[in-house]
Amino acid sequence: MTTGQRSAASSGLIDRATVERFRTGDVGALGQIYDRFAGAVLGMAMTVLRDRALAEDATQETFLRAWRAAAQFNPELDLAPWLLTIARRTAVDVFRRESRPTLGGHALEQDAPVELPALERAWEVWQVRSALDALPEDERTVVRMAHFGSMTHAEIADELQVPVGTVKSRSHRAHRRLAGMLGHLKDDEPQRSTEGGAS
């Protein structure tokens, strides 16, 4: 994903002025950034920790670390990958801290192995979830039943007690909206393939 594409996709309600205020220690800007990205940070933490309470602790610690490092953030870059990098490192630290033995003795502590999620993949999954949440409720229901429930149009129509044609039209509208909101993910695939082949 190019920097321009990622900025357009992820910056959302966070404009350059807010980022500048965040860098100078403005608490209100931190609140706006927390509201915008807390879901993505929690998702990253859950992927590493697989424990809601620990993930919530890691989320709070992530924003505390980001707050302390805000002055060093380059405003020309996108905020989301920077935050998710901090989130992943923080979650790993929490995982290792929780995994260390608490009994006495002189055995050397060893860091537990951690399977790290791909940063780009975690961010893309969150974008898809956000796009789904932005759909009108009737369209979102159809998409979830079809993709997560593996239901046919006829089965969905029966479950919702609406005509099959209504289900099809809702599904068509939903996928058209999703294509518009998530088109940047598809557009980026050829670039990734090229970069992968060049490395």
C-alpha atoms as a PDB file:
ATOM      1  CA  MET A   1       0.000   0.000   0.000  1.00  0.00           C
ATOM      2  CA  THR A   2       1.429   3.361  -0.948  1.00  0.00           C
ATOM      3  CA  THR A   3       1.774   6.143   1.613  1.00  0.00           C
ATOM      4  CA  GLY A   4      -0.859   8.211  -0.167  1.00  0.00           C
ATOM      5  CA  GLN A   5      -3.336   5.335  -0.335  1.00  0.00           C
ATOM      6  CA  ARG A   6      -2.796   4.423   3.291  1.00  0.00           C
ATOM      7  CA  SER A   7      -3.197   8.020   4.431  1.00  0.00           C
ATOM      8  CA  ALA A   8      -6.456   8.384   2.534  1.00  0.00           C
ATOM      9  CA  ALA A   9      -7.734   5.084   3.937  1.00  0.00           C
ATOM     10  CA  SER A  10      -6.659   5.367   7.533  1.00  0.00           C
ATOM     11  CA  SER A  11      -6.383   8.997   8.514  1.00  0.00           C
ATOM     12  CA  GLY A  12     -10.167   9.337   8.462  1.00  0.00           C
ATOM     13  CA  LEU A  13     -11.158  11.991  10.977  1.00  0.00           C
ATOM     14  CA  ILE A  14      -7.540  12.673  11.977  1.00  0.00           C
ATOM     15  CA  ASP A  15      -6.297  15.669  10.033  1.00  0.00           C
ATOM     16  CA  ARG A  16      -2.834  17.184   9.946  1.00  0.00           C
ATOM     17  CA  ALA A  17      -3.766  19.879  12.481  1.00  0.00           C
ATOM     18  CA  THR A  18      -4.822  17.209  14.996  1.00  0.00           C
ATOM     19  CA  VAL A  19      -1.583  15.310  14.443  1.00  0.00           C
ATOM     20  CA  GLU A  20       0.394  18.503  15.049  1.00  0.00           C
ATOM     21  CA  ARG A  21      -1.519  19.141  18.268  1.00  0.00           C
ATOM     22  CA  PHE A  22      -0.855  15.566  19.338  1.00  0.00           C
ATOM     23  CA  ARG A  23       2.873  16.061  18.727  1.00  0.00           C
ATOM     24  CA  THR A  24       2.891  19.143  20.944  1.00  0.00           C
ATOM     25  CA  GLY A  25       1.134  17.394  23.844  1.00  0.00           C
ATOM     26  CA  ASP A  26      -2.485  18.439  23.354  1.00  0.00           C
ATOM     27  CA  VAL A  27      -4.689  16.117  25.440  1.00  0.00           C
ATOM     28  CA  GLY A  28      -7.735  16.767  23.260  1.00  0.00           C
ATOM     29  CA  ALA A  29      -5.840  15.573  20.191  1.00  0.00           C
ATOM     30  CA  LEU A  30      -4.804  12.431  22.048  1.00  0.00           C
ATOM     31  CA  GLY A  31      -8.473  11.775  22.813  1.00  0.00           C
ATOM     32  CA  GLN A  32      -9.416  12.113  19.149  1.00  0.00           C
ATOM     33  CA  ILE A  33      -6.630   9.748  18.116  1.00  0.00           C
ATOM     34  CA  TYR A  34      -7.645   7.264  20.806  1.00  0.00           C
ATOM     35  CA  ASP A  35     -11.273   7.314  19.620  1.00  0.00           C
ATOM     36  CA  ARG A  36     -10.198   6.742  16.013  1.00  0.00           C
ATOM     37  CA  PHE A  37      -7.609   3.998  16.508  1.00  0.00           C
ATOM     38  CA  ALA A  38      -8.395   2.252  19.809  1.00  0.00           C
ATOM     39  CA  GLY A  39     -10.252  -0.512  17.968  1.00  0.00           C
ATOM     40  CA  ALA A  40      -7.315  -1.259  15.690  1.00  0.00           C
ATOM     41  CA  VAL A  41      -4.855  -1.195  18.590  1.00  0.00           C
ATOM     42  CA  LEU A  42      -7.050  -3.523  20.659  1.00  0.00           C
ATOM     43  CA  GLY A  43      -7.350  -5.874  17.683  1.00  0.00           C
ATOM     44  CA  MET A  44      -3.583  -6.034  17.323  1.00  0.00           C
ATOM     45  CA  ALA A  45      -3.186  -6.677  21.060  1.00  0.00           C
ATOM     46  CA  MET A  46      -5.830  -9.428  20.977  1.00  0.00           C
ATOM     47  CA  THR A  47      -4.034 -11.127  18.104  1.00  0.00           C
ATOM     48  CA  VAL A  48      -0.872 -11.378  20.189  1.00  0.00           C
ATOM     49  CA  LEU A  49      -2.318 -11.917  23.661  1.00  0.00           C
ATOM     50  CA  ARG A  50      -5.648 -13.703  23.046  1.00  0.00           C
ATOM     51  CA  ASP A  51      -6.862 -12.384  26.390  1.00  0.00           C
ATOM     52  CA  ARG A  52      -9.296  -9.473  26.579  1.00  0.00           C
ATOM     53  CA  ALA A  53      -8.111  -8.071  29.912  1.00  0.00           C
ATOM     54  CA  LEU A  54      -4.445  -8.195  28.931  1.00  0.00           C
ATOM     55  CA  ALA A  55      -5.251  -6.722  25.506  1.00  0.00           C
ATOM     56  CA  GLU A  56      -7.095  -3.819  27.120  1.00  0.00           C
ATOM     57  CA  ASP A  57      -4.104  -3.198  29.392  1.00  0.00           C
ATOM     58  CA  ALA A  58      -1.804  -3.304  26.366  1.00  0.00           C
ATOM     59  CA  THR A  59      -4.079  -0.847  24.544  1.00  0.00           C
ATOM     60  CA  GLN A  60      -3.843   1.674  27.366  1.00  0.00           C
ATOM     61  CA  GLU A  61      -0.084   1.215  27.577  1.00  0.00           C
ATOM     62  CA  THR A  62       0.225   1.639  23.802  1.00  0.00           C
ATOM     63  CA  PHE A  63      -1.386   5.066  23.878  1.00  0.00           C
ATOM     64  CA  LEU A  64       0.703   6.040  26.884  1.00  0.00           C
ATOM     65  CA  ARG A  65       3.869   5.090  25.000  1.00  0.00           C
ATOM     66  CA  ALA A  66       2.631   6.899  21.893  1.00  0.00           C
ATOM     67  CA  TRP A  67       1.896   9.986  24.001  1.00  0.00           C
ATOM     68  CA  ARG A  68       5.428   9.955  25.412  1.00  0.00           C
ATOM     69  CA  ALA A  69       6.940   9.531  21.940  1.00  0.00           C
ATOM     70  CA  ALA A  70       4.582  11.927  20.143  1.00  0.00           C
ATOM     71  CA  ALA A  71       7.179  14.652  19.659  1.00  0.00           C
ATOM     72  CA  GLN A  72       9.338  12.234  17.645  1.00  0.00           C
ATOM     73  CA  PHE A  73       6.541  11.271  15.241  1.00  0.00           C
ATOM     74  CA  ASN A  74       7.124  12.431  11.660  1.00  0.00           C
ATOM     75  CA  PRO A  75       3.918  14.249  10.612  1.00  0.00           C
ATOM     76  CA  GLU A  76       4.635  13.447   6.964  1.00  0.00           C
ATOM     77  CA  LEU A  77       3.977   9.769   7.704  1.00  0.00           C
ATOM     78  CA  ASP A  78       0.664   8.085   8.409  1.00  0.00           C
ATOM     79  CA  LEU A  79      -0.224   7.720  12.066  1.00  0.00           C
ATOM     80  CA  ALA A  80      -1.885   4.292  11.914  1.00  0.00           C
ATOM     81  CA  PRO A  81       1.130   2.079  11.084  1.00  0.00           C
ATOM     82  CA  TRP A  82       3.186   3.944  13.699  1.00  0.00           C
ATOM     83  CA  LEU A  83       0.555   3.289  16.371  1.00  0.00           C
ATOM     84  CA  LEU A  84       0.156  -0.358  15.362  1.00  0.00           C
ATOM     85  CA  THR A  85       3.902  -0.894  15.529  1.00  0.00           C
ATOM     86  CA  ILE A  86       3.878   0.438  19.094  1.00  0.00           C
ATOM     87  CA  ALA A  87       0.828  -1.738  19.830  1.00  0.00           C
ATOM     88  CA  ARG A  88       2.543  -4.884  18.591  1.00  0.00           C
ATOM     89  CA  ARG A  89       5.701  -4.216  20.599  1.00  0.00           C
ATOM     90  CA  THR A  90       3.675  -3.383  23.685  1.00  0.00           C
ATOM     91  CA  ALA A  91       1.577  -6.545  23.378  1.00  0.00           C
ATOM     92  CA  VAL A  92       4.738  -8.641  23.035  1.00  0.00           C
ATOM     93  CA  ASP A  93       6.159  -6.987  26.147  1.00  0.00           C
ATOM     94  CA  VAL A  94       2.952  -7.730  28.059  1.00  0.00           C
ATOM     95  CA  PHE A  95       2.950 -11.330  26.816  1.00  0.00           C
ATOM     96  CA  ARG A  96       6.529 -11.904  27.907  1.00  0.00           C
ATOM     97  CA  ARG A  97       5.946 -10.189  31.224  1.00  0.00           C
ATOM     98  CA  GLU A  98       2.958 -12.425  31.925  1.00  0.00           C
ATOM     99  CA  SER A  99       4.786 -15.550  30.741  1.00  0.00           C
ATOM    100  CA  ARG A 100       7.784 -15.215  33.042  1.00  0.00           C
ATOM    101  CA  PRO A 101       7.877 -17.540  36.047  1.00  0.00           C
ATOM    102  CA  THR A 102       6.839 -16.025  39.355  1.00  0.00           C
ATOM    103  CA  LEU A 103       8.292 -18.748  41.622  1.00  0.00           C
ATOM    104  CA  GLY A 104      11.611 -18.239  43.395  1.00  0.00           C
ATOM    105  CA  GLY A 105      14.836 -19.887  42.322  1.00  0.00           C
ATOM    106  CA  HIS A 106      17.903 -19.101  40.324  1.00  0.00           C
ATOM    107  CA  ALA A 107      16.886 -20.453  36.937  1.00  0.00           C
ATOM    108  CA  LEU A 108      17.409 -17.936  34.177  1.00  0.00           C
ATOM    109  CA  GLU A 109      14.254 -16.394  32.765  1.00  0.00           C
ATOM    110  CA  GLN A 110      13.664 -17.002  29.088  1.00  0.00           C
ATOM    111  CA  ASP A 111      11.459 -14.934  26.843  1.00  0.00           C
ATOM    112  CA  ALA A 112       8.471 -16.918  25.629  1.00  0.00           C
ATOM    113  CA  PRO A 113       8.200 -17.246  21.840  1.00  0.00           C
ATOM    114  CA  VAL A 114       5.594 -14.940  20.346  1.00  0.00           C
ATOM    115  CA  GLU A 115       3.962 -15.387  16.964  1.00  0.00           C
ATOM    116  CA  LEU A 116       3.669 -11.855  15.622  1.00  0.00           C
ATOM    117  CA  PRO A 117       0.799 -10.901  13.329  1.00  0.00           C
ATOM    118  CA  ALA A 118       1.674  -9.186  10.072  1.00  0.00           C
ATOM    119  CA  LEU A 119       1.209  -5.466  10.613  1.00  0.00           C
ATOM    120  CA  GLU A 120      -0.295  -4.835   7.179  1.00  0.00           C
ATOM    121  CA  ARG A 121      -2.664  -7.803   7.553  1.00  0.00           C
ATOM    122  CA  ALA A 122      -3.895  -6.672  10.974  1.00  0.00           C
ATOM    123  CA  TRP A 123      -4.537  -3.159   9.674  1.00  0.00           C
ATOM    124  CA  GLU A 124      -6.384  -4.410   6.594  1.00  0.00           C
ATOM    125  CA  VAL A 125      -8.610  -6.701   8.671  1.00  0.00           C
ATOM    126  CA  TRP A 126      -9.536  -3.758  10.860  1.00  0.00           C
ATOM    127  CA  GLN A 127     -10.334  -1.627   7.818  1.00  0.00           C
ATOM    128  CA  VAL A 128     -12.660  -4.356   6.503  1.00  0.00           C
ATOM    129  CA  ARG A 129     -14.434  -4.565   9.859  1.00  0.00           C
ATOM    130  CA  SER A 130     -14.777  -0.787   9.977  1.00  0.00           C
ATOM    131  CA  ALA A 131     -16.223  -0.761   6.457  1.00  0.00           C
ATOM    132  CA  LEU A 132     -18.754  -3.439   7.421  1.00  0.00           C
ATOM    133  CA  ASP A 133     -19.778  -1.443  10.476  1.00  0.00           C
ATOM    134  CA  ALA A 134     -20.344   1.594   8.244  1.00  0.00           C
ATOM    135  CA  LEU A 135     -22.928  -0.206   6.097  1.00  0.00           C
ATOM    136  CA  PRO A 136     -26.648   0.354   6.677  1.00  0.00           C
ATOM    137  CA  GLU A 137     -27.934  -2.272   9.100  1.00  0.00           C
ATOM    138  CA  ASP A 138     -30.044  -4.187   6.559  1.00  0.00           C
ATOM    139  CA  GLU A 139     -27.103  -4.473   4.137  1.00  0.00           C
ATOM    140  CA  ARG A 140     -24.627  -5.344   6.899  1.00  0.00           C
ATOM    141  CA  THR A 141     -26.899  -8.145   8.106  1.00  0.00           C
ATOM    142  CA  VAL A 142     -27.066  -9.712   4.651  1.00  0.00           C
ATOM    143  CA  VAL A 143     -23.289  -9.548   4.176  1.00  0.00           C
ATOM    144  CA  ARG A 144     -22.587 -11.086   7.582  1.00  0.00           C
ATOM    145  CA  MET A 145     -25.091 -13.900   7.053  1.00  0.00           C
ATOM    146  CA  ALA A 146     -23.686 -14.659   3.602  1.00  0.00           C
ATOM    147  CA  HIS A 147     -19.973 -14.459   4.374  1.00  0.00           C
ATOM    148  CA  PHE A 148     -19.768 -15.431   8.035  1.00  0.00           C
ATOM    149  CA  GLY A 149     -22.814 -17.693   8.152  1.00  0.00           C
ATOM    150  CA  SER A 150     -22.228 -19.274   4.705  1.00  0.00           C
ATOM    151  CA  MET A 151     -25.931 -18.831   3.926  1.00  0.00           C
ATOM    152  CA  THR A 152     -27.440 -18.662   0.439  1.00  0.00           C
ATOM    153  CA  HIS A 153     -29.681 -15.816  -0.693  1.00  0.00           C
ATOM    154  CA  ALA A 154     -32.689 -18.101  -0.327  1.00  0.00           C
ATOM    155  CA  GLU A 155     -31.717 -19.071   3.215  1.00  0.00           C
ATOM    156  CA  ILE A 156     -31.172 -15.436   4.177  1.00  0.00           C
ATOM    157  CA  ALA A 157     -34.544 -14.475   2.686  1.00  0.00           C
ATOM    158  CA  ASP A 158     -36.207 -17.236   4.685  1.00  0.00           C
ATOM    159  CA  GLU A 159     -34.426 -16.200   7.898  1.00  0.00           C
ATOM    160  CA  LEU A 160     -35.263 -12.503   7.466  1.00  0.00           C
ATOM    161  CA  GLN A 161     -38.727 -13.196   6.014  1.00  0.00           C
ATOM    162  CA  VAL A 162     -38.166 -10.987   2.988  1.00  0.00           C
ATOM    163  CA  PRO A 163     -38.241 -11.760  -0.767  1.00  0.00           C
ATOM    164  CA  VAL A 164     -35.107 -13.224  -2.332  1.00  0.00           C
ATOM    165  CA  GLY A 165     -34.971 -10.235  -4.664  1.00  0.00           C
ATOM    166  CA  THR A 166     -34.703  -7.935  -1.656  1.00  0.00           C
ATOM    167  CA  VAL A 167     -31.773  -9.938  -0.316  1.00  0.00           C
ATOM    168  CA  LYS A 168     -30.041  -9.812  -3.691  1.00  0.00           C
ATOM    169  CA  SER A 169     -30.492  -6.050  -4.026  1.00  0.00           C
ATOM    170  CA  ARG A 170     -29.211  -5.468  -0.477  1.00  0.00           C
ATOM    171  CA  SER A 171     -26.234  -7.695  -1.160  1.00  0.00           C
ATOM    172  CA  HIS A 172     -25.472  -5.878  -4.418  1.00  0.00           C
ATOM    173  CA  ARG A 173     -25.661  -2.453  -2.776  1.00  0.00           C
ATOM    174  CA  ALA A 174     -23.526  -3.602   0.156  1.00  0.00           C
ATOM    175  CA  HIS A 175     -20.784  -5.025  -2.036  1.00  0.00           C
ATOM    176  CA  ARG A 176     -20.790  -1.902  -4.191  1.00  0.00           C
ATOM    177  CA  ARG A 177     -20.324   0.237  -1.083  1.00  0.00           C
ATOM    178  CA  LEU A 178     -17.590  -2.050   0.252  1.00  0.00           C
ATOM    179  CA  ALA A 179     -15.786  -1.962  -3.090  1.00  0.00           C
ATOM    180  CA  GLY A 180     -15.771   1.822  -2.900  1.00  0.00           C
ATOM    181  CA  MET A 181     -14.531   1.918   0.689  1.00  0.00           C
ATOM    182  CA  LEU A 182     -11.933  -0.837   0.310  1.00  0.00           C
ATOM    183  CA  GLY A 183     -10.825  -0.395  -3.291  1.00  0.00           C
ATOM    184  CA  HIS A 184      -7.382   0.773  -2.146  1.00  0.00           C
ATOM    185  CA  LEU A 185      -6.680  -2.710  -0.722  1.00  0.00           C
ATOM    186  CA  LYS A 186      -7.283  -4.370  -4.083  1.00  0.00           C
ATOM    187  CA  ASP A 187      -5.367  -1.690  -5.965  1.00  0.00           C
ATOM    188  CA  ASP A 188      -2.327  -2.368  -3.806  1.00  0.00           C
ATOM    189  CA  GLU A 189      -2.038  -6.109  -4.560  1.00  0.00           C
ATOM    190  CA  PRO A 190      -0.079  -5.819  -7.861  1.00  0.00           C
ATOM    191  CA  GLN A 191       2.366  -3.442  -6.184  1.00  0.00           C
ATOM    192  CA  ARG A 192       2.983  -5.918  -3.378  1.00  0.00           C
ATOM    193  CA  SER A 193       3.570  -8.721  -5.851  1.00  0.00           C
ATOM    194  CA  THR A 194       6.087  -6.602  -7.725  1.00  0.00           C
ATOM    195  CA  GLU A 195       7.868  -5.599  -4.563  1.00  0.00           C
ATOM    196  CA  GLY A 196       7.945  -9.192  -3.386  1.00  0.00           C
ATOM    197  CA  GLY A 197       9.429 -10.373  -6.648  1.00  0.00           C
ATOM    198  CA  ALA A 198      12.091  -7.698  -6.566  1.00  0.00           C
ATOM    199  CA  SER A 199      13.293  -8.536  -3.110  1.00  0.00           C
END
